[in-house]
Protein backbone atom coordinates (compact mmCIF):
# COMPACT_ATOMS: atom_id res chain seq x y z
CA MET A 1 26.78 107.30 -189.62
CA THR A 2 25.79 108.71 -186.24
CA ARG A 3 27.08 112.12 -185.20
CA TYR A 4 27.78 113.35 -181.70
CA LYS A 5 27.80 116.86 -180.29
CA VAL A 6 30.34 117.59 -177.58
CA LYS A 7 29.20 120.25 -175.10
CA VAL A 8 31.31 121.89 -172.42
CA ASN A 9 30.14 124.31 -169.76
CA VAL A 10 32.60 126.21 -167.55
CA GLU A 11 31.42 128.72 -164.96
CA LEU A 12 33.32 130.93 -162.55
CA VAL A 13 30.88 132.27 -159.97
CA GLU A 14 31.29 133.97 -156.60
CA CYS A 15 30.49 131.79 -153.60
CA ASN A 16 30.93 131.58 -149.83
CA GLU A 17 32.25 128.01 -149.76
CA SER A 18 35.60 126.93 -148.34
CA ILE A 19 38.61 126.87 -150.66
CA SER A 20 39.33 123.38 -151.97
CA ASP A 21 42.58 121.78 -153.10
CA SER A 22 41.04 119.20 -155.40
CA PRO A 23 37.91 118.77 -157.52
CA THR A 24 34.75 117.71 -155.70
CA GLU A 25 32.07 115.70 -157.47
CA GLN A 26 28.68 117.40 -157.54
CA GLN A 27 25.21 115.83 -157.47
CA ASP A 28 24.80 116.45 -161.21
CA GLY A 29 27.94 114.42 -162.01
CA GLY A 30 30.10 117.47 -162.66
CA PHE A 31 33.07 118.58 -160.61
CA SER A 32 33.93 121.88 -158.96
CA MET A 33 36.71 123.60 -157.05
CA VAL A 34 36.67 126.75 -154.95
CA ILE A 35 39.57 129.18 -155.30
CA SER A 36 40.51 132.41 -153.58
CA GLU A 37 39.75 135.84 -154.99
CA LYS A 38 43.50 136.29 -155.48
CA ASP A 39 43.63 133.17 -157.67
CA ALA A 40 40.41 134.15 -159.44
CA VAL A 41 42.05 137.25 -160.91
CA SER A 42 45.11 135.36 -162.17
CA ILE A 43 44.72 133.93 -165.66
CA ASP A 44 47.33 131.25 -164.94
CA LYS A 45 45.67 130.15 -161.68
CA CYS A 46 42.21 130.16 -163.28
CA GLU A 47 43.43 128.16 -166.25
CA LYS A 48 45.15 125.62 -163.99
CA THR A 49 42.04 125.25 -161.83
CA ILE A 50 39.73 124.90 -164.83
CA LEU A 51 41.94 122.22 -166.36
CA GLN A 52 42.31 120.43 -163.01
CA THR A 53 38.54 120.49 -162.51
CA ALA A 54 37.75 119.53 -166.09
CA TYR A 55 39.91 116.41 -166.15
CA PRO A 56 37.70 114.18 -163.94
CA THR A 57 34.62 115.54 -165.69
CA ILE A 58 36.07 114.62 -169.08
CA ARG A 59 37.08 111.14 -167.91
CA SER A 60 33.64 110.51 -166.46
CA ALA A 61 31.87 111.71 -169.61
CA LEU A 62 34.11 109.60 -171.85
CA SER A 63 33.56 106.53 -169.74
CA GLU A 64 29.80 107.00 -169.79
CA HIS A 65 29.79 107.66 -173.53
CA LEU A 66 31.97 104.69 -174.45
CA THR A 67 29.96 102.36 -172.22
CA GLY A 68 26.78 103.51 -173.96
CA VAL A 69 28.28 103.10 -177.43
CA SER A 70 29.58 99.64 -176.54
CA GLN A 71 26.18 98.55 -175.23
CA LYS A 72 24.47 100.00 -178.29
CA LYS A 73 26.73 98.03 -180.65
CA SER A 74 26.39 94.75 -178.75
CA GLY A 75 22.65 95.11 -178.21
């Protein structure tokens, strides 16, 4: 039976971009949000932002994975 490794990468890095209210899709297929320094030092705000940003990334990865598995089984 085939096995699959699930990998997750979360980064919080300083930037000079404008603060965003919702996740923005990046060229690599991931999503990002920009938060204030005030929010960046709050564990609750960071956690909320990470989860909010991760959700579309997770959905996209699952969709891509399940499409590939489905094509593999039917092909």
